[in-house]
Amino acid sequence: MKKIKCPYCGYEGDPKEFTFIYESVLYLADHEVLPEERERPIVVVCPKCGRGFFLESPYKKLVEKIKTEDYEK
């Protein structure tokens, strides 16, 4: 199994040792829930130092989208 390493304290462990948090936001308009347009990456919390970090850049999909739009022009 692949290990996860905390970028802050260097702790390395199995994924089951870490806490995973998925942030979601509900947008209400006229008593209806609107879908969120952006994707939010999962935050991983280190069991040793308690700091959260992303496994991949939260801007990765945005950068890919911008590159795709630039190529279409």
N, C-alpha and C. Protein backbone atom coordinates (compact mmCIF):
# COMPACT_ATOMS: atom_id res chain seq x y z
N MET A 1 0.84 -1.18 0.00
CA MET A 1 0.00 0.00 0.00
C MET A 1 0.89 1.25 0.00
N LYS A 2 0.46 2.25 -0.73
CA LYS A 2 1.23 3.49 -0.84
C LYS A 2 1.15 4.28 0.47
N LYS A 3 2.26 4.83 0.88
CA LYS A 3 2.34 5.63 2.10
C LYS A 3 2.07 7.10 1.77
N ILE A 4 1.57 7.82 2.76
CA ILE A 4 1.36 9.26 2.64
C ILE A 4 2.37 9.94 3.55
N LYS A 5 2.99 11.00 3.05
CA LYS A 5 3.97 11.73 3.84
C LYS A 5 3.50 13.16 4.07
N CYS A 6 3.52 13.59 5.31
CA CYS A 6 3.13 14.96 5.66
C CYS A 6 4.23 15.92 5.20
N PRO A 7 3.87 16.95 4.43
CA PRO A 7 4.88 17.91 3.97
C PRO A 7 5.37 18.85 5.07
N TYR A 8 4.69 18.86 6.22
CA TYR A 8 5.07 19.77 7.30
C TYR A 8 6.00 19.13 8.32
N CYS A 9 5.64 17.95 8.84
CA CYS A 9 6.45 17.33 9.89
C CYS A 9 7.23 16.11 9.40
N GLY A 10 6.93 15.64 8.19
CA GLY A 10 7.65 14.51 7.64
C GLY A 10 7.11 13.15 8.04
N TYR A 11 6.03 13.13 8.84
CA TYR A 11 5.45 11.85 9.26
C TYR A 11 4.99 11.07 8.04
N GLU A 12 5.28 9.78 8.01
CA GLU A 12 4.89 8.93 6.90
C GLU A 12 4.11 7.74 7.45
N GLY A 13 2.94 7.48 6.85
CA GLY A 13 2.12 6.38 7.33
C GLY A 13 1.12 5.91 6.30
N ASP A 14 0.39 4.88 6.65
CA ASP A 14 -0.66 4.34 5.78
C ASP A 14 -1.82 5.32 5.71
N PRO A 15 -2.58 5.31 4.61
CA PRO A 15 -3.72 6.21 4.48
C PRO A 15 -4.73 6.10 5.63
N LYS A 16 -4.90 4.90 6.20
CA LYS A 16 -5.88 4.72 7.28
C LYS A 16 -5.51 5.48 8.55
N GLU A 17 -4.27 5.92 8.67
CA GLU A 17 -3.83 6.67 9.84
C GLU A 17 -4.19 8.15 9.76
N PHE A 18 -4.45 8.64 8.56
CA PHE A 18 -4.75 10.05 8.34
C PHE A 18 -6.26 10.28 8.32
N THR A 19 -6.66 11.51 8.56
CA THR A 19 -8.06 11.91 8.46
C THR A 19 -8.24 12.62 7.12
N PHE A 20 -9.32 12.29 6.43
CA PHE A 20 -9.62 12.90 5.13
C PHE A 20 -10.87 13.75 5.27
N ILE A 21 -10.79 15.00 4.81
CA ILE A 21 -11.91 15.93 4.92
C ILE A 21 -12.28 16.42 3.52
N TYR A 22 -13.57 16.32 3.21
CA TYR A 22 -14.06 16.85 1.95
C TYR A 22 -14.95 18.04 2.27
N GLU A 23 -14.56 19.19 1.81
CA GLU A 23 -15.31 20.42 2.05
C GLU A 23 -16.40 20.56 0.99
N SER A 24 -17.58 20.90 1.43
CA SER A 24 -18.65 21.18 0.47
C SER A 24 -19.38 22.45 0.91
N VAL A 25 -19.91 23.14 -0.04
CA VAL A 25 -20.63 24.39 0.21
C VAL A 25 -22.00 24.27 -0.45
N LEU A 26 -23.02 24.66 0.28
CA LEU A 26 -24.37 24.67 -0.27
C LEU A 26 -24.75 26.10 -0.60
N TYR A 27 -25.18 26.31 -1.82
CA TYR A 27 -25.64 27.63 -2.26
C TYR A 27 -27.16 27.58 -2.33
N LEU A 28 -27.81 28.50 -1.62
CA LEU A 28 -29.26 28.55 -1.62
C LEU A 28 -29.74 29.78 -2.39
N ALA A 29 -30.73 29.56 -3.25
CA ALA A 29 -31.34 30.66 -3.99
C ALA A 29 -32.82 30.36 -4.11
N ASP A 30 -33.64 31.24 -3.59
CA ASP A 30 -35.09 31.06 -3.62
C ASP A 30 -35.49 29.69 -3.06
N HIS A 31 -34.93 29.34 -1.93
CA HIS A 31 -35.24 28.09 -1.22
C HIS A 31 -34.84 26.84 -1.99
N GLU A 32 -33.94 26.96 -2.94
CA GLU A 32 -33.45 25.80 -3.69
C GLU A 32 -31.93 25.72 -3.53
N VAL A 33 -31.43 24.50 -3.45
CA VAL A 33 -29.99 24.29 -3.37
C VAL A 33 -29.44 24.24 -4.79
N LEU A 34 -28.46 25.11 -5.05
CA LEU A 34 -27.82 25.15 -6.37
C LEU A 34 -26.54 24.32 -6.34
N PRO A 35 -26.23 23.65 -7.43
CA PRO A 35 -24.99 22.86 -7.45
C PRO A 35 -23.76 23.76 -7.45
N GLU A 36 -22.74 23.30 -6.78
CA GLU A 36 -21.50 24.06 -6.76
C GLU A 36 -20.76 23.84 -8.07
N GLU A 37 -20.20 24.89 -8.62
CA GLU A 37 -19.57 24.79 -9.93
C GLU A 37 -18.11 24.38 -9.88
N ARG A 38 -17.48 24.51 -8.74
CA ARG A 38 -16.06 24.14 -8.68
C ARG A 38 -15.87 22.87 -7.86
N GLU A 39 -14.85 22.13 -8.21
CA GLU A 39 -14.52 20.92 -7.46
C GLU A 39 -13.50 21.27 -6.38
N ARG A 40 -13.69 20.70 -5.23
CA ARG A 40 -12.77 20.96 -4.12
C ARG A 40 -11.98 19.69 -3.83
N PRO A 41 -10.66 19.80 -3.74
CA PRO A 41 -9.86 18.61 -3.45
C PRO A 41 -10.00 18.19 -1.99
N ILE A 42 -9.70 16.94 -1.73
CA ILE A 42 -9.77 16.40 -0.38
C ILE A 42 -8.58 16.91 0.42
N VAL A 43 -8.86 17.33 1.67
CA VAL A 43 -7.81 17.77 2.58
C VAL A 43 -7.42 16.57 3.44
N VAL A 44 -6.13 16.33 3.56
CA VAL A 44 -5.61 15.23 4.39
C VAL A 44 -5.03 15.86 5.65
N VAL A 45 -5.42 15.33 6.83
CA VAL A 45 -4.93 15.86 8.10
C VAL A 45 -3.95 14.86 8.71
N CYS A 46 -2.78 15.35 9.05
CA CYS A 46 -1.72 14.53 9.62
C CYS A 46 -2.07 14.14 11.06
N PRO A 47 -1.92 12.85 11.43
CA PRO A 47 -2.22 12.43 12.80
C PRO A 47 -1.17 12.89 13.82
N LYS A 48 0.01 13.26 13.35
CA LYS A 48 1.07 13.67 14.26
C LYS A 48 1.03 15.17 14.58
N CYS A 49 1.05 15.99 13.53
CA CYS A 49 1.10 17.45 13.75
C CYS A 49 -0.26 18.13 13.64
N GLY A 50 -1.26 17.44 13.07
CA GLY A 50 -2.61 17.99 12.98
C GLY A 50 -2.82 19.01 11.87
N ARG A 51 -1.83 19.21 11.02
CA ARG A 51 -1.98 20.17 9.93
C ARG A 51 -2.57 19.50 8.70
N GLY A 52 -3.34 20.26 7.95
CA GLY A 52 -3.98 19.75 6.75
C GLY A 52 -3.19 20.11 5.50
N PHE A 53 -3.29 19.24 4.50
CA PHE A 53 -2.60 19.47 3.23
C PHE A 53 -3.35 18.75 2.12
N PHE A 54 -3.08 19.16 0.89
CA PHE A 54 -3.69 18.54 -0.28
C PHE A 54 -2.74 17.51 -0.86
N LEU A 55 -3.28 16.42 -1.40
CA LEU A 55 -2.45 15.43 -2.08
C LEU A 55 -2.10 15.91 -3.49
N GLU A 56 -2.96 16.76 -4.05
CA GLU A 56 -2.68 17.36 -5.36
C GLU A 56 -3.05 18.83 -5.28
N SER A 57 -2.52 19.61 -6.18
CA SER A 57 -2.76 21.05 -6.18
C SER A 57 -4.25 21.35 -6.35
N PRO A 58 -4.80 22.25 -5.54
CA PRO A 58 -6.20 22.63 -5.71
C PRO A 58 -6.43 23.42 -7.00
N TYR A 59 -5.36 23.84 -7.64
CA TYR A 59 -5.47 24.63 -8.86
C TYR A 59 -5.23 23.80 -10.12
N LYS A 60 -4.96 22.51 -9.97
CA LYS A 60 -4.60 21.65 -11.09
C LYS A 60 -5.65 21.67 -12.20
N LYS A 61 -6.92 21.47 -11.86
CA LYS A 61 -7.97 21.43 -12.88
C LYS A 61 -8.19 22.80 -13.51
N LEU A 62 -8.04 23.87 -12.73
CA LEU A 62 -8.19 25.22 -13.26
C LEU A 62 -7.09 25.51 -14.29
N VAL A 63 -5.86 25.13 -13.97
CA VAL A 63 -4.74 25.35 -14.90
C VAL A 63 -4.96 24.55 -16.18
N GLU A 64 -5.42 23.30 -16.05
CA GLU A 64 -5.69 22.48 -17.23
C GLU A 64 -6.79 23.11 -18.09
N LYS A 65 -7.82 23.66 -17.44
CA LYS A 65 -8.91 24.29 -18.17
C LYS A 65 -8.41 25.53 -18.92
N ILE A 66 -7.59 26.33 -18.27
CA ILE A 66 -7.05 27.54 -18.90
C ILE A 66 -6.18 27.16 -20.10
N LYS A 67 -5.35 26.12 -19.94
CA LYS A 67 -4.50 25.68 -21.05
C LYS A 67 -5.35 25.20 -22.23
N THR A 68 -6.42 24.47 -21.95
CA THR A 68 -7.31 23.98 -23.00
C THR A 68 -7.97 25.14 -23.73
N GLU A 69 -8.43 26.14 -22.98
CA GLU A 69 -9.07 27.31 -23.60
C GLU A 69 -8.08 28.09 -24.45
N ASP A 70 -6.82 28.18 -24.01
CA ASP A 70 -5.80 28.89 -24.79
C ASP A 70 -5.52 28.19 -26.11
N TYR A 71 -5.54 26.86 -26.10
CA TYR A 71 -5.29 26.11 -27.34
C TYR A 71 -6.45 26.23 -28.31
N GLU A 72 -7.65 26.44 -27.80
CA GLU A 72 -8.83 26.55 -28.67
C GLU A 72 -8.88 27.89 -29.38
N LYS A 73 -8.15 28.88 -28.90
CA LYS A 73 -8.18 30.22 -29.50
C LYS A 73 -7.37 30.29 -30.76
